[in-house]
Amino acid sequence: MSFFTKVFGGKKEAAAPTTAEAIQKLRETEEMLNKKQDFLESKIEQEIQTAKKNGTKNRRAAIQALKRKKRYEKQLQQIDGTLSTIEMQREALESANTNTAVLTTMKNAADALKAAHQHMDVDQVHDMMDDIAEQQDVAKEISDAISNPVAFGQDIDEDELEKELEELEQEELDKELLGIQSTDELPSVPTGVPETSKKSKAKQEEEDDDLRELAQWAS
């Protein structure tokens, strides 16, 4: 673009197509070249058949057919090379399109993360965590103080209570000892003859009478 064109203006350059549009154009070109290939292959086959047909009858026509076949083969070879170039370019554009989509997504994610952290400061976060830890310590101290019964009954002497308990235990022990001494007497000897002794004596007398009667009978 010349200096005057820049100063006074000129025809603006057309905007570059997007990758999607370029890929679509390349695919359309590939489709057109593939159709061209099919056409040339059919023409080559026709020229071969013409050369075979006129090989013996019209040598000049056969030679012309082979020449046309050579031209078609050359065009077909050029199309093959062009198709290879277009395929590589389309694959590169598709890869670039994929990379662009990936990068766009990553950038959107980075922007969202930045927006989420916009009102956050690392130092403030550390200070907040320190405050939380400090308040937790205060809450623990308060809980321990509330649950500790030391604050109540400060005027009671623990040693005095222990002494009183020992006196009560000693008093109870003395009562038990007195109770044992009052019942510690020998049992009285029974004056009468036990019933079992009476029965044994009567049985013995009966046996003695039987023996005397047996002795009299024997004499």
Protein backbone atom coordinates (compact mmCIF):
# COMPACT_ATOMS: atom_id res chain seq x y z
CA MET A 1 0.00 0.00 0.00
CA SER A 2 1.48 3.38 -1.11
CA PHE A 3 1.87 6.49 1.05
CA PHE A 4 -0.96 8.33 -0.74
CA THR A 5 -3.25 5.39 -0.30
CA LYS A 6 -2.55 5.38 3.41
CA VAL A 7 -3.12 9.13 3.70
CA PHE A 8 -6.14 9.59 1.48
CA GLY A 9 -7.59 6.20 1.87
CA GLY A 10 -8.15 3.48 -0.61
CA LYS A 11 -9.80 0.20 -1.08
CA LYS A 12 -9.92 -1.67 2.17
CA GLU A 13 -8.58 -5.17 2.27
CA ALA A 14 -11.16 -7.87 2.75
CA ALA A 15 -11.30 -9.33 6.21
CA ALA A 16 -9.55 -12.65 6.58
CA PRO A 17 -11.93 -15.60 6.73
CA THR A 18 -12.31 -17.53 9.91
CA THR A 19 -10.69 -20.94 10.29
CA ALA A 20 -14.09 -22.60 10.00
CA GLU A 21 -14.78 -20.77 6.72
CA ALA A 22 -11.32 -21.62 5.36
CA ILE A 23 -11.77 -25.29 6.28
CA GLN A 24 -15.13 -25.34 4.53
CA LYS A 25 -13.60 -23.80 1.36
CA LEU A 26 -10.78 -26.34 1.37
CA ARG A 27 -13.25 -29.20 1.69
CA GLU A 28 -15.26 -27.86 -1.24
CA THR A 29 -12.05 -27.61 -3.29
CA GLU A 30 -11.12 -31.18 -2.36
CA GLU A 31 -14.53 -32.38 -3.48
CA MET A 32 -14.17 -30.54 -6.81
CA LEU A 33 -10.68 -31.97 -7.42
CA ASN A 34 -11.87 -35.48 -6.59
CA LYS A 35 -14.58 -35.12 -9.22
CA LYS A 36 -11.92 -33.84 -11.64
CA GLN A 37 -9.85 -36.93 -10.89
CA ASP A 38 -12.77 -39.21 -11.67
CA PHE A 39 -13.34 -37.36 -14.95
CA LEU A 40 -9.67 -37.60 -16.02
CA GLU A 41 -9.50 -41.28 -15.11
CA SER A 42 -12.54 -41.94 -17.30
CA LYS A 43 -10.98 -39.90 -20.16
CA ILE A 44 -7.73 -41.83 -19.84
CA GLU A 45 -9.65 -45.09 -20.07
CA GLN A 46 -11.47 -43.85 -23.19
CA GLU A 47 -8.20 -42.84 -24.90
CA ILE A 48 -6.72 -46.23 -24.13
CA GLN A 49 -9.70 -47.93 -25.73
CA THR A 50 -9.42 -45.58 -28.77
CA ALA A 51 -5.72 -46.39 -29.16
CA LYS A 52 -6.43 -50.09 -28.96
CA LYS A 53 -9.26 -49.79 -31.48
CA ASN A 54 -7.21 -47.85 -34.05
CA GLY A 55 -3.89 -49.52 -33.37
CA THR A 56 -3.97 -51.55 -36.55
CA LYS A 57 -6.50 -49.63 -38.62
CA ASN A 58 -5.58 -45.95 -38.07
CA ARG A 59 -2.15 -45.56 -36.56
CA ARG A 60 -2.35 -41.75 -36.58
CA ALA A 61 -5.59 -41.75 -34.55
CA ALA A 62 -4.08 -44.23 -32.11
CA ILE A 63 -1.02 -42.00 -31.59
CA GLN A 64 -3.22 -38.94 -31.00
CA ALA A 65 -5.25 -40.90 -28.45
CA LEU A 66 -2.10 -41.86 -26.57
CA LYS A 67 -0.95 -38.22 -26.59
CA ARG A 68 -4.22 -37.09 -25.08
CA LYS A 69 -3.90 -39.90 -22.52
CA LYS A 70 -0.48 -38.58 -21.52
CA ARG A 71 -1.88 -35.07 -21.04
CA TYR A 72 -4.71 -36.41 -18.92
CA GLU A 73 -2.26 -38.44 -16.82
CA LYS A 74 -0.13 -35.33 -16.30
CA GLN A 75 -3.18 -33.36 -15.17
CA LEU A 76 -4.17 -36.22 -12.90
CA GLN A 77 -0.71 -36.23 -11.36
CA GLN A 78 -0.90 -32.47 -10.77
CA ILE A 79 -4.29 -32.87 -9.12
CA ASP A 80 -2.88 -35.58 -6.84
CA GLY A 81 -0.16 -33.20 -5.66
CA THR A 82 -2.67 -30.36 -5.21
CA LEU A 83 -4.95 -32.61 -3.19
CA SER A 84 -2.07 -33.59 -0.92
CA THR A 85 -1.25 -29.93 -0.32
CA ILE A 86 -4.88 -29.06 0.36
CA GLU A 87 -5.28 -31.97 2.75
CA MET A 88 -2.22 -30.90 4.73
CA GLN A 89 -3.46 -27.31 4.83
CA ARG A 90 -6.94 -28.38 5.92
CA GLU A 91 -5.49 -30.60 8.67
CA ALA A 92 -3.31 -27.71 9.86
CA LEU A 93 -6.34 -25.40 9.93
CA GLU A 94 -8.42 -27.99 11.78
CA SER A 95 -5.64 -28.38 14.32
CA ALA A 96 -5.39 -24.58 14.65
CA ASN A 97 -9.16 -24.37 15.04
CA THR A 98 -9.04 -26.98 17.80
CA ASN A 99 -6.18 -25.18 19.52
CA THR A 100 -8.08 -21.91 19.28
CA ALA A 101 -11.15 -23.46 20.88
CA VAL A 102 -9.04 -25.00 23.64
CA LEU A 103 -7.19 -21.73 24.29
CA THR A 104 -10.46 -19.79 24.32
CA THR A 105 -11.91 -22.17 26.87
CA MET A 106 -8.77 -21.97 29.00
CA LYS A 107 -8.80 -18.17 28.82
CA ASN A 108 -12.46 -18.07 29.86
CA ALA A 109 -11.65 -20.34 32.80
CA ALA A 110 -8.68 -18.13 33.76
CA ASP A 111 -10.87 -15.01 33.58
CA ALA A 112 -13.52 -16.67 35.73
CA LEU A 113 -10.89 -17.70 38.29
CA LYS A 114 -9.44 -14.19 38.28
CA ALA A 115 -12.91 -12.72 38.83
CA ALA A 116 -13.50 -15.15 41.71
CA HIS A 117 -10.24 -14.04 43.35
CA GLN A 118 -10.73 -10.37 42.52
CA HIS A 119 -11.89 -9.42 46.02
CA MET A 120 -9.49 -11.77 47.81
CA ASP A 121 -6.05 -10.87 49.16
CA VAL A 122 -3.61 -13.52 50.31
CA ASP A 123 -2.47 -11.45 53.29
CA GLN A 124 -6.06 -10.81 54.27
CA VAL A 125 -6.82 -14.51 54.05
CA HIS A 126 -3.86 -15.31 56.32
CA ASP A 127 -4.99 -12.64 58.78
CA MET A 128 -8.51 -14.03 58.74
CA MET A 129 -7.24 -17.56 59.43
CA ASP A 130 -5.15 -16.23 62.34
CA ASP A 131 -8.24 -14.48 63.73
CA ILE A 132 -10.24 -17.69 63.42
CA ALA A 133 -7.55 -19.66 65.26
CA GLU A 134 -7.38 -17.01 67.99
CA GLN A 135 -11.15 -17.01 68.46
CA GLN A 136 -11.16 -20.79 68.63
CA ASP A 137 -8.59 -20.60 71.45
CA VAL A 138 -10.73 -18.02 73.25
CA ALA A 139 -13.83 -20.19 72.85
CA LYS A 140 -11.93 -23.19 74.27
CA GLU A 141 -10.78 -21.19 77.28
CA ILE A 142 -14.33 -19.98 77.90
CA SER A 143 -15.70 -23.52 77.63
CA ASP A 144 -13.06 -24.83 80.06
CA ALA A 145 -13.84 -22.03 82.50
CA ILE A 146 -17.58 -22.71 82.37
CA SER A 147 -17.18 -26.46 82.87
CA ASN A 148 -14.71 -26.09 85.79
CA PRO A 149 -16.55 -26.22 89.19
CA VAL A 150 -13.63 -24.57 91.03
CA ALA A 151 -15.40 -21.25 91.01
CA PHE A 152 -18.06 -22.59 93.39
CA GLY A 153 -17.66 -23.48 97.09
CA GLN A 154 -14.35 -21.71 97.67
CA ASP A 155 -15.06 -21.35 101.44
CA ILE A 156 -15.16 -25.13 102.10
CA ASP A 157 -12.03 -26.72 103.61
CA GLU A 158 -11.28 -30.08 101.98
CA ASP A 159 -9.12 -31.23 104.97
CA GLU A 160 -11.98 -30.52 107.35
CA LEU A 161 -14.34 -32.63 105.25
CA GLU A 162 -11.85 -35.50 105.21
CA LYS A 163 -11.53 -35.35 109.01
CA GLU A 164 -15.31 -35.35 109.45
CA LEU A 165 -15.64 -38.36 107.17
CA GLU A 166 -13.02 -40.27 109.17
CA GLU A 167 -14.92 -39.55 112.42
CA LEU A 168 -18.15 -40.85 110.92
CA GLU A 169 -16.43 -44.01 109.71
CA GLN A 170 -14.86 -44.58 113.17
CA GLU A 171 -18.24 -44.08 114.85
CA GLU A 172 -19.86 -46.64 112.58
CA LEU A 173 -17.00 -49.09 113.25
CA ASP A 174 -17.42 -48.70 117.02
CA LYS A 175 -21.12 -49.48 116.77
CA GLU A 176 -20.37 -52.67 114.87
CA LEU A 177 -17.80 -53.79 117.49
CA LEU A 178 -20.25 -53.15 120.36
CA GLY A 179 -22.90 -55.19 118.64
CA ILE A 180 -20.55 -58.18 118.29
CA GLN A 181 -19.53 -58.06 122.00
CA SER A 182 -23.13 -58.02 123.25
CA THR A 183 -23.93 -61.27 121.45
CA ASP A 184 -20.65 -63.06 122.31
CA GLU A 185 -22.03 -65.54 125.08
CA LEU A 186 -21.93 -69.32 125.29
CA PRO A 187 -25.22 -71.09 124.58
CA SER A 188 -27.03 -72.67 127.61
CA VAL A 189 -26.76 -76.44 128.10
CA PRO A 190 -30.12 -78.16 127.59
CA THR A 191 -31.47 -79.87 130.78
CA GLY A 192 -33.77 -82.36 129.24
CA VAL A 193 -32.80 -85.51 127.32
CA PRO A 194 -32.95 -85.14 123.64
CA GLU A 195 -35.74 -86.83 121.87
CA THR A 196 -33.32 -88.96 119.82
CA SER A 197 -31.65 -90.23 123.02
CA LYS A 198 -35.02 -91.29 124.44
CA LYS A 199 -35.79 -93.30 121.35
CA SER A 200 -32.42 -95.08 121.44
CA LYS A 201 -32.84 -96.06 125.09
CA ALA A 202 -36.31 -97.53 124.55
CA LYS A 203 -35.05 -99.57 121.60
CA GLN A 204 -32.16 -100.94 123.70
CA GLU A 205 -34.50 -102.05 126.49
CA GLU A 206 -36.70 -103.82 123.96
CA GLU A 207 -33.71 -105.73 122.57
CA ASP A 208 -32.66 -106.75 126.12
CA ASP A 209 -36.11 -108.18 126.82
CA ASP A 210 -35.93 -110.26 123.63
CA LEU A 211 -32.56 -111.68 124.64
CA ARG A 212 -33.83 -112.69 128.12
CA GLU A 213 -36.85 -114.38 126.65
CA LEU A 214 -34.63 -116.34 124.21
CA ALA A 215 -32.36 -117.47 127.07
CA GLN A 216 -35.29 -118.78 129.11
CA TRP A 217 -36.59 -120.75 126.17
CA ALA A 218 -33.24 -122.36 125.57
CA SER A 219 -32.92 -123.56 129.21
